[in-house]
């Protein structure tokens, strides 16, 4: 069942991280936070639908397992507010014989998504120079709450990649892009088959490694 699958994934990830920690040359803990620029991407071009990006924030912690001088594995766990607006252009909807002066609907509908998620990215991190690094890996997300109660799936997954710089003092800066791969639309079946919604997030972060 679903609970068993969740536990199984958690156990696999825990074993993987424990194994990595045993072989790591150095283990450092850190914190990070920053701003999100997120939107819900629509799977198809549609003149009646439009997605707008909104800002949010993220905050959490990380562990860097330095395996070599150049390579590290970095799992992170953070809370993220990811907002977006999905506009349904009902005012542009027409039918045979209708005119702009005789619309079916007068106003458009703006669905504002305010998603609170717990995100778990597991990053492979490569240091090009002593401070400058690039990173990429999978990210798994769990929906904690949704302010406006639209029908959104609880779980999401995708790929994350970006670049960062780590100062000798421990201060770190990073920028990354999240490409959601799961359709989070959980509407009734006929609509779900036609409309697929996937998350897209740009993040800028500042943090500190102890």
C-alpha atoms as a PDB file:
ATOM      1  CA  UNK A   1       0.000   0.000   0.000  1.00  0.00           C
ATOM      2  CA  UNK A   2       0.934   3.687  -0.133  1.00  0.00           C
ATOM      3  CA  UNK A   3       2.195   3.886   3.461  1.00  0.00           C
ATOM      4  CA  UNK A   4       4.441   0.867   2.919  1.00  0.00           C
ATOM      5  CA  UNK A   5       5.909   2.415  -0.229  1.00  0.00           C
ATOM      6  CA  UNK A   6       6.636   5.678   1.626  1.00  0.00           C
ATOM      7  CA  UNK A   7       8.389   3.811   4.431  1.00  0.00           C
ATOM      8  CA  UNK A   8      10.361   1.748   1.948  1.00  0.00           C
ATOM      9  CA  UNK A   9      11.623   4.859   0.166  1.00  0.00           C
ATOM     10  CA  UNK A  10      12.534   6.492   3.468  1.00  0.00           C
ATOM     11  CA  UNK A  11      14.496   3.417   4.589  1.00  0.00           C
ATOM     12  CA  UNK A  12      16.368   3.215   1.263  1.00  0.00           C
ATOM     13  CA  UNK A  13      17.320   6.893   1.462  1.00  0.00           C
ATOM     14  CA  UNK A  14      18.391   6.553   5.118  1.00  0.00           C
ATOM     15  CA  UNK A  15      20.606   3.544   4.318  1.00  0.00           C
ATOM     16  CA  UNK A  16      22.140   5.377   1.365  1.00  0.00           C
ATOM     17  CA  UNK A  17      22.982   8.446   3.438  1.00  0.00           C
ATOM     18  CA  UNK A  18      24.396   6.334   6.277  1.00  0.00           C
ATOM     19  CA  UNK A  19      26.630   4.454   3.822  1.00  0.00           C
ATOM     20  CA  UNK A  20      27.826   7.711   2.287  1.00  0.00           C
ATOM     21  CA  UNK A  21      28.599   9.189   5.720  1.00  0.00           C
ATOM     22  CA  UNK A  22      30.907   6.266   6.517  1.00  0.00           C
ATOM     23  CA  UNK A  23      33.033   6.937   3.439  1.00  0.00           C
ATOM     24  CA  UNK A  24      32.959  10.743   3.626  1.00  0.00           C
ATOM     25  CA  UNK A  25      36.215  12.618   4.222  1.00  0.00           C
ATOM     26  CA  UNK A  26      34.339  15.477   5.868  1.00  0.00           C
ATOM     27  CA  UNK A  27      30.766  16.026   7.073  1.00  0.00           C
ATOM     28  CA  UNK A  28      29.402  19.551   7.545  1.00  0.00           C
ATOM     29  CA  UNK A  29      25.960  20.737   8.579  1.00  0.00           C
ATOM     30  CA  UNK A  30      24.376  23.926   7.376  1.00  0.00           C
ATOM     31  CA  UNK A  31      21.306  26.114   7.106  1.00  0.00           C
ATOM     32  CA  UNK A  32      19.888  27.948   4.118  1.00  0.00           C
ATOM     33  CA  UNK A  33      17.010  30.149   3.091  1.00  0.00           C
ATOM     34  CA  UNK A  34      15.932  32.414   0.290  1.00  0.00           C
ATOM     35  CA  UNK A  35      13.345  33.446  -2.247  1.00  0.00           C
ATOM     36  CA  UNK A  36      11.280  31.376  -4.700  1.00  0.00           C
ATOM     37  CA  UNK A  37       9.973  32.433  -8.098  1.00  0.00           C
ATOM     38  CA  UNK A  38       7.468  29.708  -8.942  1.00  0.00           C
ATOM     39  CA  UNK A  39       4.734  28.925 -11.429  1.00  0.00           C
ATOM     40  CA  UNK A  40       2.562  26.013 -12.462  1.00  0.00           C
ATOM     41  CA  UNK A  41       3.401  25.002 -15.999  1.00  0.00           C
ATOM     42  CA  UNK A  42       0.586  23.958 -18.359  1.00  0.00           C
ATOM     43  CA  UNK A  43       1.259  20.938 -20.553  1.00  0.00           C
ATOM     44  CA  UNK A  44      -0.186  22.417 -23.714  1.00  0.00           C
ATOM     45  CA  UNK A  45      -0.528  25.746 -25.448  1.00  0.00           C
ATOM     46  CA  UNK A  46      -4.019  27.001 -24.744  1.00  0.00           C
ATOM     47  CA  UNK A  47      -5.360  30.478 -25.507  1.00  0.00           C
ATOM     48  CA  UNK A  48      -7.816  30.179 -22.628  1.00  0.00           C
ATOM     49  CA  UNK A  49      -5.212  29.346 -19.951  1.00  0.00           C
ATOM     50  CA  UNK A  50      -2.316  31.385 -18.651  1.00  0.00           C
ATOM     51  CA  UNK A  51       0.116  30.741 -15.810  1.00  0.00           C
ATOM     52  CA  UNK A  52       1.794  33.563 -13.893  1.00  0.00           C
ATOM     53  CA  UNK A  53       4.877  33.390 -11.671  1.00  0.00           C
ATOM     54  CA  UNK A  54       4.717  34.542  -8.041  1.00  0.00           C
ATOM     55  CA  UNK A  55       7.258  34.878  -5.252  1.00  0.00           C
ATOM     56  CA  UNK A  56       7.581  32.758  -2.123  1.00  0.00           C
ATOM     57  CA  UNK A  57      10.333  31.648   0.229  1.00  0.00           C
ATOM     58  CA  UNK A  58      12.191  28.596   1.518  1.00  0.00           C
ATOM     59  CA  UNK A  59      14.128  27.799   4.688  1.00  0.00           C
ATOM     60  CA  UNK A  60      15.779  24.662   6.021  1.00  0.00           C
ATOM     61  CA  UNK A  61      18.964  22.703   6.584  1.00  0.00           C
ATOM     62  CA  UNK A  62      21.489  20.563   4.758  1.00  0.00           C
ATOM     63  CA  UNK A  63      24.316  18.092   5.277  1.00  0.00           C
ATOM     64  CA  UNK A  64      27.363  18.043   3.016  1.00  0.00           C
ATOM     65  CA  UNK A  65      29.234  14.739   2.763  1.00  0.00           C
ATOM     66  CA  UNK A  66      32.591  15.588   1.168  1.00  0.00           C
ATOM     67  CA  UNK A  67      33.668  12.376  -0.583  1.00  0.00           C
ATOM     68  CA  UNK A  68      36.700  13.840  -2.394  1.00  0.00           C
ATOM     69  CA  UNK A  69      38.251  17.283  -2.731  1.00  0.00           C
ATOM     70  CA  UNK A  70      36.016  17.922  -5.730  1.00  0.00           C
ATOM     71  CA  UNK A  71      32.862  15.877  -5.136  1.00  0.00           C
ATOM     72  CA  UNK A  72      30.213  15.874  -2.399  1.00  0.00           C
ATOM     73  CA  UNK A  73      26.747  14.498  -1.767  1.00  0.00           C
ATOM     74  CA  UNK A  74      24.353  17.006  -0.218  1.00  0.00           C
ATOM     75  CA  UNK A  75      20.862  16.083   1.004  1.00  0.00           C
ATOM     76  CA  UNK A  76      18.702  19.031   2.033  1.00  0.00           C
ATOM     77  CA  UNK A  77      15.416  19.314   3.877  1.00  0.00           C
ATOM     78  CA  UNK A  78      13.465  22.536   3.816  1.00  0.00           C
ATOM     79  CA  UNK A  79      10.062  24.152   4.002  1.00  0.00           C
ATOM     80  CA  UNK A  80       9.036  25.949   0.821  1.00  0.00           C
ATOM     81  CA  UNK A  81       6.133  28.268  -0.017  1.00  0.00           C
ATOM     82  CA  UNK A  82       5.534  27.951  -3.771  1.00  0.00           C
ATOM     83  CA  UNK A  83       2.937  30.306  -5.218  1.00  0.00           C
ATOM     84  CA  UNK A  84       1.444  30.663  -8.671  1.00  0.00           C
ATOM     85  CA  UNK A  85      -1.591  32.029 -10.488  1.00  0.00           C
ATOM     86  CA  UNK A  86      -3.497  30.017 -13.088  1.00  0.00           C
ATOM     87  CA  UNK A  87      -5.742  32.315 -15.095  1.00  0.00           C
ATOM     88  CA  UNK A  88      -8.747  30.882 -16.950  1.00  0.00           C
ATOM     89  CA  UNK A  89      -9.713  33.384 -19.637  1.00  0.00           C
ATOM     90  CA  UNK A  90     -13.455  32.902 -19.603  1.00  0.00           C
ATOM     91  CA  UNK A  91     -14.036  36.391 -21.016  1.00  0.00           C
ATOM     92  CA  UNK A  92     -12.357  35.237 -24.251  1.00  0.00           C
ATOM     93  CA  UNK A  93     -14.568  32.179 -24.562  1.00  0.00           C
ATOM     94  CA  UNK A  94     -16.865  32.265 -27.565  1.00  0.00           C
ATOM     95  CA  UNK A  95     -19.429  30.052 -29.221  1.00  0.00           C
ATOM     96  CA  UNK A  96     -20.881  30.032 -32.761  1.00  0.00           C
ATOM     97  CA  UNK A  97     -22.740  33.300 -33.318  1.00  0.00           C
ATOM     98  CA  UNK A  98     -21.328  35.094 -30.260  1.00  0.00           C
ATOM     99  CA  UNK A  99     -19.609  38.489 -30.500  1.00  0.00           C
ATOM    100  CA  UNK A 100     -17.197  40.416 -28.254  1.00  0.00           C
ATOM    101  CA  UNK A 101     -20.151  42.589 -27.247  1.00  0.00           C
ATOM    102  CA  UNK A 102     -22.131  39.531 -26.195  1.00  0.00           C
ATOM    103  CA  UNK A 103     -19.665  37.349 -24.219  1.00  0.00           C
ATOM    104  CA  UNK A 104     -20.561  34.138 -22.446  1.00  0.00           C
ATOM    105  CA  UNK A 105     -18.639  35.262 -19.341  1.00  0.00           C
ATOM    106  CA  UNK A 106     -17.777  38.799 -18.350  1.00  0.00           C
ATOM    107  CA  UNK A 107     -14.708  38.142 -16.162  1.00  0.00           C
ATOM    108  CA  UNK A 108     -11.755  35.798 -16.082  1.00  0.00           C
ATOM    109  CA  UNK A 109     -11.088  33.454 -13.163  1.00  0.00           C
ATOM    110  CA  UNK A 110      -7.763  33.633 -11.323  1.00  0.00           C
ATOM    111  CA  UNK A 111      -6.903  30.516  -9.326  1.00  0.00           C
ATOM    112  CA  UNK A 112      -4.160  31.485  -6.886  1.00  0.00           C
ATOM    113  CA  UNK A 113      -2.086  28.528  -5.696  1.00  0.00           C
ATOM    114  CA  UNK A 114      -0.328  28.908  -2.328  1.00  0.00           C
ATOM    115  CA  UNK A 115       1.436  25.600  -1.755  1.00  0.00           C
ATOM    116  CA  UNK A 116       3.344  24.796   1.453  1.00  0.00           C
ATOM    117  CA  UNK A 117       5.729  21.913   0.843  1.00  0.00           C
ATOM    118  CA  UNK A 118       8.473  19.943   2.552  1.00  0.00           C
ATOM    119  CA  UNK A 119      11.180  19.428  -0.062  1.00  0.00           C
ATOM    120  CA  UNK A 120      13.934  16.804   0.004  1.00  0.00           C
ATOM    121  CA  UNK A 121      16.545  17.346  -2.723  1.00  0.00           C
ATOM    122  CA  UNK A 122      19.490  14.935  -2.847  1.00  0.00           C
ATOM    123  CA  UNK A 123      22.259  16.716  -4.712  1.00  0.00           C
ATOM    124  CA  UNK A 124      25.477  15.559  -6.350  1.00  0.00           C
ATOM    125  CA  UNK A 125      27.821  18.513  -5.942  1.00  0.00           C
ATOM    126  CA  UNK A 126      30.983  19.096  -8.000  1.00  0.00           C
ATOM    127  CA  UNK A 127      33.525  21.773  -7.080  1.00  0.00           C
ATOM    128  CA  UNK A 128      34.964  23.314 -10.250  1.00  0.00           C
ATOM    129  CA  UNK A 129      37.271  25.485  -8.162  1.00  0.00           C
ATOM    130  CA  UNK A 130      37.806  25.637  -4.410  1.00  0.00           C
ATOM    131  CA  UNK A 131      34.592  27.630  -3.857  1.00  0.00           C
ATOM    132  CA  UNK A 132      32.587  27.556  -7.076  1.00  0.00           C
ATOM    133  CA  UNK A 133      30.392  24.474  -7.550  1.00  0.00           C
ATOM    134  CA  UNK A 134      27.626  23.059  -9.707  1.00  0.00           C
ATOM    135  CA  UNK A 135      25.016  20.593  -8.465  1.00  0.00           C
ATOM    136  CA  UNK A 136      22.131  18.452  -9.670  1.00  0.00           C
ATOM    137  CA  UNK A 137      19.879  15.673  -8.438  1.00  0.00           C
ATOM    138  CA  UNK A 138      16.337  14.504  -7.725  1.00  0.00           C
ATOM    139  CA  UNK A 139      13.902  16.284  -5.443  1.00  0.00           C
ATOM    140  CA  UNK A 140      10.921  14.787  -3.619  1.00  0.00           C
ATOM    141  CA  UNK A 141       8.154  16.977  -2.206  1.00  0.00           C
ATOM    142  CA  UNK A 142       5.226  16.539   0.170  1.00  0.00           C
ATOM    143  CA  UNK A 143       2.338  19.005   0.257  1.00  0.00           C
ATOM    144  CA  UNK A 144       1.818  20.131   3.862  1.00  0.00           C
ATOM    145  CA  UNK A 145      -1.035  22.545   3.229  1.00  0.00           C
ATOM    146  CA  UNK A 146      -2.806  24.382   0.449  1.00  0.00           C
ATOM    147  CA  UNK A 147      -4.435  27.654   1.407  1.00  0.00           C
ATOM    148  CA  UNK A 148      -7.135  27.777  -1.272  1.00  0.00           C
ATOM    149  CA  UNK A 149      -7.977  24.043  -1.273  1.00  0.00           C
ATOM    150  CA  UNK A 150      -7.620  23.366  -4.992  1.00  0.00           C
ATOM    151  CA  UNK A 151      -7.321  19.694  -5.827  1.00  0.00           C
ATOM    152  CA  UNK A 152      -3.533  19.199  -5.880  1.00  0.00           C
ATOM    153  CA  UNK A 153      -1.672  15.920  -5.395  1.00  0.00           C
ATOM    154  CA  UNK A 154       0.213  15.548  -2.128  1.00  0.00           C
ATOM    155  CA  UNK A 155       3.426  14.219  -3.672  1.00  0.00           C
ATOM    156  CA  UNK A 156       5.655  15.729  -6.324  1.00  0.00           C
ATOM    157  CA  UNK A 157       9.045  14.806  -7.739  1.00  0.00           C
ATOM    158  CA  UNK A 158      11.425  16.243 -10.284  1.00  0.00           C
ATOM    159  CA  UNK A 159      14.965  17.335 -11.037  1.00  0.00           C
ATOM    160  CA  UNK A 160      16.900  20.235  -9.567  1.00  0.00           C
ATOM    161  CA  UNK A 161      20.129  21.800 -10.797  1.00  0.00           C
ATOM    162  CA  UNK A 162      22.120  24.942 -10.212  1.00  0.00           C
ATOM    163  CA  UNK A 163      25.358  26.570  -9.175  1.00  0.00           C
ATOM    164  CA  UNK A 164      26.783  27.983  -5.993  1.00  0.00           C
ATOM    165  CA  UNK A 165      29.752  29.540  -4.280  1.00  0.00           C
ATOM    166  CA  UNK A 166      31.091  28.662  -0.855  1.00  0.00           C
ATOM    167  CA  UNK A 167      33.326  31.131   0.982  1.00  0.00           C
ATOM    168  CA  UNK A 168      36.089  30.108   3.379  1.00  0.00           C
ATOM    169  CA  UNK A 169      34.071  31.627   6.228  1.00  0.00           C
ATOM    170  CA  UNK A 170      31.261  29.091   5.628  1.00  0.00           C
ATOM    171  CA  UNK A 171      28.919  31.540   3.908  1.00  0.00           C
ATOM    172  CA  UNK A 172      27.321  30.031   0.808  1.00  0.00           C
ATOM    173  CA  UNK A 173      25.314  31.428  -2.092  1.00  0.00           C
ATOM    174  CA  UNK A 174      23.365  29.410  -4.636  1.00  0.00           C
ATOM    175  CA  UNK A 175      20.858  29.626  -7.466  1.00  0.00           C
ATOM    176  CA  UNK A 176      18.905  26.674  -8.833  1.00  0.00           C
ATOM    177  CA  UNK A 177      16.003  25.616 -11.030  1.00  0.00           C
ATOM    178  CA  UNK A 178      13.446  22.920 -10.212  1.00  0.00           C
ATOM    179  CA  UNK A 179      11.772  21.025 -13.033  1.00  0.00           C
ATOM    180  CA  UNK A 180       8.712  19.206 -11.713  1.00  0.00           C
ATOM    181  CA  UNK A 181       8.045  15.938 -13.528  1.00  0.00           C
ATOM    182  CA  UNK A 182       4.849  14.812 -11.806  1.00  0.00           C
ATOM    183  CA  UNK A 183       1.403  15.993 -12.884  1.00  0.00           C
ATOM    184  CA  UNK A 184       0.049  17.586  -9.701  1.00  0.00           C
ATOM    185  CA  UNK A 185      -3.440  18.082 -11.166  1.00  0.00           C
ATOM    186  CA  UNK A 186      -5.806  15.913  -9.172  1.00  0.00           C
ATOM    187  CA  UNK A 187      -9.081  17.020 -10.773  1.00  0.00           C
ATOM    188  CA  UNK A 188     -11.777  14.604 -11.886  1.00  0.00           C
ATOM    189  CA  UNK A 189     -10.558  12.098 -14.464  1.00  0.00           C
ATOM    190  CA  UNK A 190     -11.823  13.641 -17.742  1.00  0.00           C
ATOM    191  CA  UNK A 191     -10.211  17.002 -16.941  1.00  0.00           C
ATOM    192  CA  UNK A 192      -7.044  15.418 -15.581  1.00  0.00           C
ATOM    193  CA  UNK A 193      -6.414  13.578 -18.839  1.00  0.00           C
ATOM    194  CA  UNK A 194      -6.565  16.835 -20.795  1.00  0.00           C
ATOM    195  CA  UNK A 195      -4.832  19.273 -18.430  1.00  0.00           C
ATOM    196  CA  UNK A 196      -1.486  18.458 -16.824  1.00  0.00           C
ATOM    197  CA  UNK A 197       0.078  20.857 -14.342  1.00  0.00           C
ATOM    198  CA  UNK A 198       3.739  20.687 -13.339  1.00  0.00           C
ATOM    199  CA  UNK A 199       5.758  22.892 -11.027  1.00  0.00           C
ATOM    200  CA  UNK A 200       8.614  25.147 -12.112  1.00  0.00           C
ATOM    201  CA  UNK A 201      10.653  26.975  -9.457  1.00  0.00           C
ATOM    202  CA  UNK A 202      13.653  29.321  -9.551  1.00  0.00           C
ATOM    203  CA  UNK A 203      15.383  29.705  -6.184  1.00  0.00           C
ATOM    204  CA  UNK A 204      18.055  32.057  -4.871  1.00  0.00           C
ATOM    205  CA  UNK A 205      19.535  31.057  -1.512  1.00  0.00           C
ATOM    206  CA  UNK A 206      21.976  32.207   1.124  1.00  0.00           C
ATOM    207  CA  UNK A 207      23.228  29.905   3.846  1.00  0.00           C
ATOM    208  CA  UNK A 208      26.016  28.901   6.176  1.00  0.00           C
ATOM    209  CA  UNK A 209      28.050  25.716   6.623  1.00  0.00           C
ATOM    210  CA  UNK A 210      29.339  25.037  10.138  1.00  0.00           C
END
